[in-house]
C-alpha atoms as a PDB file:
ATOM      1  CA  UNK A   1       0.071   0.195  -0.042  1.00  0.00           C
ATOM      2  CA  UNK A   2       1.604   3.482  -0.942  1.00  0.00           C
ATOM      3  CA  UNK A   3       1.842   6.242   1.337  1.00  0.00           C
ATOM      4  CA  UNK A   4       1.616   9.865   0.652  1.00  0.00           C
ATOM      5  CA  UNK A   5       3.428  10.841   3.992  1.00  0.00           C
ATOM      6  CA  UNK A   6       7.029  10.988   3.787  1.00  0.00           C
ATOM      7  CA  UNK A   7       9.372   8.678   6.614  1.00  0.00           C
ATOM      8  CA  UNK A   8      10.204  11.855   8.382  1.00  0.00           C
ATOM      9  CA  UNK A   9       6.709  13.053   8.550  1.00  0.00           C
ATOM     10  CA  UNK A  10       5.291   9.896   9.744  1.00  0.00           C
ATOM     11  CA  UNK A  11       8.499   9.567  12.335  1.00  0.00           C
ATOM     12  CA  UNK A  12       7.162  13.299  13.535  1.00  0.00           C
ATOM     13  CA  UNK A  13       3.682  11.883  13.430  1.00  0.00           C
ATOM     14  CA  UNK A  14       4.242   8.646  15.537  1.00  0.00           C
ATOM     15  CA  UNK A  15       6.842  10.288  18.115  1.00  0.00           C
ATOM     16  CA  UNK A  16       4.016  13.235  18.794  1.00  0.00           C
ATOM     17  CA  UNK A  17       1.033  10.496  19.256  1.00  0.00           C
ATOM     18  CA  UNK A  18       3.735   8.205  21.707  1.00  0.00           C
ATOM     19  CA  UNK A  19       3.746  11.439  23.273  1.00  0.00           C
ATOM     20  CA  UNK A  20      -0.031  11.787  24.295  1.00  0.00           C
ATOM     21  CA  UNK A  21      -1.295   9.973  27.059  1.00  0.00           C
ATOM     22  CA  UNK A  22      -4.260   7.500  26.953  1.00  0.00           C
ATOM     23  CA  UNK A  23      -7.106   9.796  27.210  1.00  0.00           C
ATOM     24  CA  UNK A  24      -5.639  12.058  24.437  1.00  0.00           C
ATOM     25  CA  UNK A  25      -5.284   8.917  22.257  1.00  0.00           C
ATOM     26  CA  UNK A  26      -8.662   7.612  22.518  1.00  0.00           C
ATOM     27  CA  UNK A  27     -10.249  11.217  21.890  1.00  0.00           C
ATOM     28  CA  UNK A  28      -8.252  11.484  18.929  1.00  0.00           C
ATOM     29  CA  UNK A  29      -9.232   7.829  17.511  1.00  0.00           C
ATOM     30  CA  UNK A  30     -12.603   9.126  18.009  1.00  0.00           C
ATOM     31  CA  UNK A  31     -12.154  12.353  16.243  1.00  0.00           C
ATOM     32  CA  UNK A  32     -10.423  10.163  13.147  1.00  0.00           C
ATOM     33  CA  UNK A  33     -13.455   7.484  13.228  1.00  0.00           C
ATOM     34  CA  UNK A  34     -16.179  10.558  13.314  1.00  0.00           C
ATOM     35  CA  UNK A  35     -14.098  11.946  10.214  1.00  0.00           C
ATOM     36  CA  UNK A  36     -14.364   8.881   8.197  1.00  0.00           C
ATOM     37  CA  UNK A  37     -17.658   8.438   8.756  1.00  0.00           C
ATOM     38  CA  UNK A  38     -18.420  11.908   7.705  1.00  0.00           C
ATOM     39  CA  UNK A  39     -16.227  11.432   4.558  1.00  0.00           C
ATOM     40  CA  UNK A  40     -18.189   8.329   3.635  1.00  0.00           C
ATOM     41  CA  UNK A  41     -21.812  10.161   4.287  1.00  0.00           C
ATOM     42  CA  UNK A  42     -20.812  12.920   2.199  1.00  0.00           C
ATOM     43  CA  UNK A  43     -19.802  10.472  -0.688  1.00  0.00           C
ATOM     44  CA  UNK A  44     -23.269   8.540  -0.430  1.00  0.00           C
ATOM     45  CA  UNK A  45     -25.175  11.635  -0.449  1.00  0.00           C
ATOM     46  CA  UNK A  46     -23.105  13.004  -3.161  1.00  0.00           C
ATOM     47  CA  UNK A  47     -24.289   9.981  -5.276  1.00  0.00           C
ATOM     48  CA  UNK A  48     -27.840  10.116  -4.659  1.00  0.00           C
ATOM     49  CA  UNK A  49     -29.908  11.536  -7.332  1.00  0.00           C
ATOM     50  CA  UNK A  50     -32.751  12.885  -4.852  1.00  0.00           C
ATOM     51  CA  UNK A  51     -31.480  14.000  -0.944  1.00  0.00           C
ATOM     52  CA  UNK A  52     -32.704  11.413   1.064  1.00  0.00           C
ATOM     53  CA  UNK A  53     -31.114  11.232   4.760  1.00  0.00           C
ATOM     54  CA  UNK A  54     -32.639   8.456   6.100  1.00  0.00           C
ATOM     55  CA  UNK A  55     -31.635   6.242   2.901  1.00  0.00           C
ATOM     56  CA  UNK A  56     -28.336   7.926   3.332  1.00  0.00           C
ATOM     57  CA  UNK A  57     -27.755   6.916   6.713  1.00  0.00           C
ATOM     58  CA  UNK A  58     -28.872   3.289   6.199  1.00  0.00           C
ATOM     59  CA  UNK A  59     -26.269   3.193   3.264  1.00  0.00           C
ATOM     60  CA  UNK A  60     -23.560   4.370   5.598  1.00  0.00           C
ATOM     61  CA  UNK A  61     -24.650   1.433   8.174  1.00  0.00           C
ATOM     62  CA  UNK A  62     -24.558  -1.027   5.742  1.00  0.00           C
ATOM     63  CA  UNK A  63     -20.951   0.106   4.665  1.00  0.00           C
ATOM     64  CA  UNK A  64     -19.572   0.382   8.020  1.00  0.00           C
ATOM     65  CA  UNK A  65     -21.405  -2.613  10.075  1.00  0.00           C
ATOM     66  CA  UNK A  66     -22.421  -4.663   6.934  1.00  0.00           C
ATOM     67  CA  UNK A  67     -26.070  -4.607   7.804  1.00  0.00           C
ATOM     68  CA  UNK A  68     -29.601  -3.358   6.717  1.00  0.00           C
ATOM     69  CA  UNK A  69     -32.198  -2.196   9.277  1.00  0.00           C
ATOM     70  CA  UNK A  70     -35.452  -4.407   8.527  1.00  0.00           C
ATOM     71  CA  UNK A  71     -38.162  -1.784   7.583  1.00  0.00           C
END
């Protein structure tokens, strides 16, 4: 898998993460997960011919968690 981050930048990022405490690492992971969900939802919405928030959220659930809700 190719990386777009230089080895020097990756080392600096890794060192910065190591300096964080457990709670800060957890919050960072939560923020990153939220960002991924928001990006995925934006992609789903952009592909809809008609805006339907419920349908977009159901598609997101299917993609992230592998299941669809029963109607």
